Amino acid sequence: MAYKKTESYDEATTRDLASAYKDVLRLIGEDAGREGLLRTPERVARAMQFLTQGHGHDPVEVIRAAIFAEKVQEMVIVKDVEMYSLCEHHMIPFFGKAHVAYIPNGYITGLSKVARVVDICARRLQVQERLTTQILEAFREALSPLGVAVVIEAKHLCMMMRGVEKQNSVTTTSAFCGAFEHEPTRSEFLRLVSSSLS
């Protein structure tokens, strides 16, 4: 069976956004009627709905949809989760990797849910600091684990394309709760995240 990509958008929202982006093109000195830009307002309207769709989803409910009882209390880490978001200050992308860990307290969730939670929280107008804590809070609320750790490493195009124009800067944020607030557990997590097991 052939792959078929499906996306759905609110048509009224698409229409209103496209109208606004047509005005943006005019205001920056472009001709919205030229061939290359004829469908640009509609494309951008759909892209913005996709890039901010996390506003309409609850990451806690995503985790709760796949909770399994397990008598384990060993650290679960999903690292190098690709992450793309929009800076709320300039609406320019920032992107990188999220590393998420939790220590179960009787319950685990599906591994794919970790990536889904990162996507939901990232696909909002964001700052990296808040994104980091939102991911942590989702796992803390949904699973009541013994601890949660989140580290995000990202490059911000608002620092690379404009402003200070620093091409090699990387921003790292972290959030820890529970067992990860204690040095041995935190150190184990950071060591495992930074090492290659292959």
Protein backbone atom coordinates (compact mmCIF):
# COMPACT_ATOMS: atom_id res chain seq x y z
CA MET A 1 0.00 0.00 0.00
CA ALA A 2 1.40 3.41 -0.99
CA TYR A 3 2.19 5.94 1.71
CA LYS A 4 -0.32 8.75 1.91
CA LYS A 5 0.46 11.79 3.99
CA THR A 6 -2.55 13.22 5.76
CA GLU A 7 -2.74 16.56 7.50
CA SER A 8 -5.81 18.46 8.64
CA TYR A 9 -6.17 22.17 9.25
CA ASP A 10 -8.95 24.45 10.35
CA GLU A 11 -9.97 26.13 7.10
CA ALA A 12 -11.24 29.33 8.77
CA THR A 13 -7.96 29.69 10.63
CA THR A 14 -6.01 28.97 7.44
CA ARG A 15 -7.98 31.63 5.57
CA ASP A 16 -7.47 34.27 8.30
CA LEU A 17 -3.78 33.51 8.70
CA ALA A 18 -3.21 33.56 4.93
CA SER A 19 -4.83 36.97 4.73
CA ALA A 20 -2.57 38.25 7.50
CA TYR A 21 0.56 36.80 5.86
CA LYS A 22 -0.40 38.43 2.58
CA ASP A 23 -0.36 41.75 4.45
CA VAL A 24 3.03 40.84 5.94
CA LEU A 25 4.45 40.26 2.46
CA ARG A 26 3.16 43.65 1.33
CA LEU A 27 4.52 45.39 4.45
CA ILE A 28 8.05 44.03 3.91
CA GLY A 29 8.03 45.35 0.35
CA GLU A 30 7.16 42.16 -1.54
CA ASP A 31 4.62 41.69 -4.30
CA ALA A 32 2.22 39.02 -3.01
CA GLY A 33 0.89 38.71 -6.57
CA ARG A 34 4.11 37.54 -8.16
CA GLU A 35 4.30 33.90 -9.24
CA GLY A 36 6.63 32.63 -6.51
CA LEU A 37 4.51 34.12 -3.74
CA LEU A 38 0.99 33.39 -4.97
CA ARG A 39 0.44 30.46 -2.62
CA THR A 40 2.97 31.44 0.03
CA PRO A 41 0.42 32.96 2.47
CA GLU A 42 -1.59 29.73 2.47
CA ARG A 43 1.53 27.58 2.81
CA VAL A 44 2.77 29.64 5.76
CA ALA A 45 -0.70 29.56 7.35
CA ARG A 46 -0.68 25.76 7.26
CA ALA A 47 2.94 25.57 8.41
CA MET A 48 2.24 27.78 11.43
CA GLN A 49 -0.72 25.61 12.44
CA PHE A 50 1.51 22.53 12.25
CA LEU A 51 4.42 24.15 14.11
CA THR A 52 2.17 25.31 16.96
CA GLN A 53 -0.19 22.33 17.17
CA GLY A 54 1.12 21.46 20.63
CA HIS A 55 -1.15 24.15 22.07
CA GLY A 56 -4.11 21.88 21.38
CA HIS A 57 -2.73 18.74 23.03
CA ASP A 58 -2.18 17.65 26.62
CA PRO A 59 1.12 15.81 27.14
CA VAL A 60 -0.13 14.31 30.41
CA GLU A 61 -3.01 12.61 28.59
CA VAL A 62 -0.57 11.24 26.00
CA ILE A 63 1.43 9.54 28.75
CA ARG A 64 -1.69 8.30 30.53
CA ALA A 65 -2.86 6.64 27.31
CA ALA A 66 -0.03 4.11 27.67
CA ILE A 67 0.70 3.40 31.33
CA PHE A 68 1.75 -0.09 32.40
CA ALA A 69 2.22 -1.49 35.90
CA GLU A 70 5.82 -2.66 36.35
CA LYS A 71 7.72 -3.34 39.57
CA VAL A 72 10.92 -1.69 38.40
CA GLN A 73 12.78 1.23 39.90
CA GLU A 74 15.66 1.53 37.47
CA MET A 75 16.36 4.64 35.45
CA VAL A 76 14.68 4.86 32.03
CA ILE A 77 16.42 7.22 29.60
CA VAL A 78 15.41 8.28 26.11
CA LYS A 79 18.16 10.48 24.76
CA ASP A 80 18.84 12.41 21.58
CA VAL A 81 15.16 13.08 20.86
CA GLU A 82 15.09 15.55 17.96
CA MET A 83 13.31 18.73 18.93
CA TYR A 84 12.09 21.70 16.86
CA SER A 85 10.34 24.71 18.31
CA LEU A 86 9.62 28.40 17.70
CA CYS A 87 11.09 31.10 19.91
CA GLU A 88 8.18 33.15 21.23
CA HIS A 89 10.24 36.35 21.15
CA HIS A 90 10.98 36.35 17.41
CA MET A 91 8.96 33.38 16.08
CA ILE A 92 12.20 32.00 14.64
CA PRO A 93 13.08 28.30 15.10
CA PHE A 94 15.30 26.78 17.70
CA PHE A 95 16.22 23.12 17.44
CA GLY A 96 18.29 20.44 19.07
CA LYS A 97 18.02 17.35 21.22
CA ALA A 98 16.15 16.49 24.39
CA HIS A 99 17.31 13.87 26.88
CA VAL A 100 14.55 12.62 29.18
CA ALA A 101 14.80 10.19 32.09
CA TYR A 102 12.52 8.99 34.86
CA ILE A 103 12.69 6.45 37.65
CA PRO A 104 9.45 4.43 37.76
CA ASN A 105 7.41 4.14 40.94
CA GLY A 106 5.27 1.17 39.96
CA TYR A 107 4.35 2.41 36.48
CA ILE A 108 6.08 2.95 33.14
CA THR A 109 4.92 4.46 29.86
CA GLY A 110 5.60 3.52 26.25
CA LEU A 111 8.96 4.77 25.01
CA SER A 112 7.38 6.50 22.02
CA LYS A 113 5.37 8.61 24.45
CA VAL A 114 8.58 10.29 25.58
CA ALA A 115 9.20 11.55 22.05
CA ARG A 116 5.55 12.53 21.67
CA VAL A 117 5.65 14.59 24.86
CA VAL A 118 8.77 16.39 23.61
CA ASP A 119 6.99 17.14 20.31
CA ILE A 120 3.80 18.39 21.97
CA CYS A 121 5.65 20.72 24.31
CA ALA A 122 8.02 21.91 21.57
CA ARG A 123 5.30 22.62 19.01
CA ARG A 124 4.20 25.76 20.81
CA LEU A 125 5.57 29.27 20.93
CA GLN A 126 8.27 28.61 23.51
CA VAL A 127 11.34 29.56 25.42
CA GLN A 128 13.77 26.72 26.02
CA GLU A 129 13.69 27.19 29.78
CA ARG A 130 9.91 26.68 29.98
CA LEU A 131 9.97 23.83 27.45
CA THR A 132 12.39 21.94 29.70
CA THR A 133 10.19 22.25 32.78
CA GLN A 134 6.96 21.49 30.87
CA ILE A 135 8.36 18.13 29.80
CA LEU A 136 9.42 17.36 33.37
CA GLU A 137 6.03 18.36 34.81
CA ALA A 138 4.15 16.17 32.33
CA PHE A 139 6.00 13.06 33.49
CA ARG A 140 5.78 14.01 37.15
CA GLU A 141 2.01 14.51 36.93
CA ALA A 142 1.22 11.48 34.78
CA LEU A 143 3.42 8.85 36.44
CA SER A 144 4.26 10.11 39.95
CA PRO A 145 7.76 8.66 39.44
CA LEU A 146 10.60 8.65 41.94
CA GLY A 147 12.31 11.29 39.84
CA VAL A 148 12.44 12.99 36.44
CA ALA A 149 15.36 14.57 34.58
CA VAL A 150 15.28 16.62 31.39
CA VAL A 151 18.21 18.19 29.54
CA ILE A 152 17.81 20.10 26.28
CA GLU A 153 20.66 21.24 24.03
CA ALA A 154 19.56 23.62 21.28
CA LYS A 155 20.69 26.12 18.70
CA HIS A 156 18.62 29.28 18.34
CA LEU A 157 18.32 30.86 14.91
CA CYS A 158 17.37 34.15 16.58
CA MET A 159 21.00 34.22 17.82
CA MET A 160 22.49 32.85 14.60
CA MET A 161 20.63 34.74 11.83
CA ARG A 162 20.12 38.09 13.55
CA GLY A 163 21.14 39.99 16.67
CA VAL A 164 24.52 38.78 17.93
CA GLU A 165 24.92 36.35 14.97
CA LYS A 166 26.86 33.72 16.91
CA GLN A 167 26.89 30.61 14.73
CA ASN A 168 28.32 28.07 17.16
CA SER A 169 26.50 28.84 20.38
CA VAL A 170 24.50 26.05 22.00
CA THR A 171 22.08 26.62 24.87
CA THR A 172 21.71 23.88 27.48
CA THR A 173 18.88 23.81 30.00
CA SER A 174 18.10 21.21 32.64
CA ALA A 175 15.37 20.38 35.11
CA PHE A 176 15.49 17.74 37.84
CA CYS A 177 13.08 16.53 40.50
CA GLY A 178 12.90 13.74 43.06
CA ALA A 179 15.80 11.29 43.04
CA PHE A 180 17.60 13.34 40.37
CA GLU A 181 18.03 16.17 42.87
CA HIS A 182 20.61 13.96 44.62
CA GLU A 183 24.14 14.04 43.24
CA PRO A 184 24.79 10.29 42.62
CA THR A 185 21.60 9.82 40.57
CA ARG A 186 22.04 13.08 38.70
CA SER A 187 25.67 12.22 37.89
CA GLU A 188 24.69 8.78 36.59
CA PHE A 189 22.09 10.34 34.30
CA LEU A 190 24.48 12.99 32.97
CA ARG A 191 27.19 10.37 32.41
CA LEU A 192 24.83 8.07 30.49
CA VAL A 193 23.47 10.94 28.39
CA SER A 194 26.93 12.16 27.41
CA SER A 195 28.42 8.73 26.64
CA SER A 196 28.10 6.45 23.65
CA LEU A 197 27.31 2.81 24.46
CA SER A 198 28.17 1.53 20.99
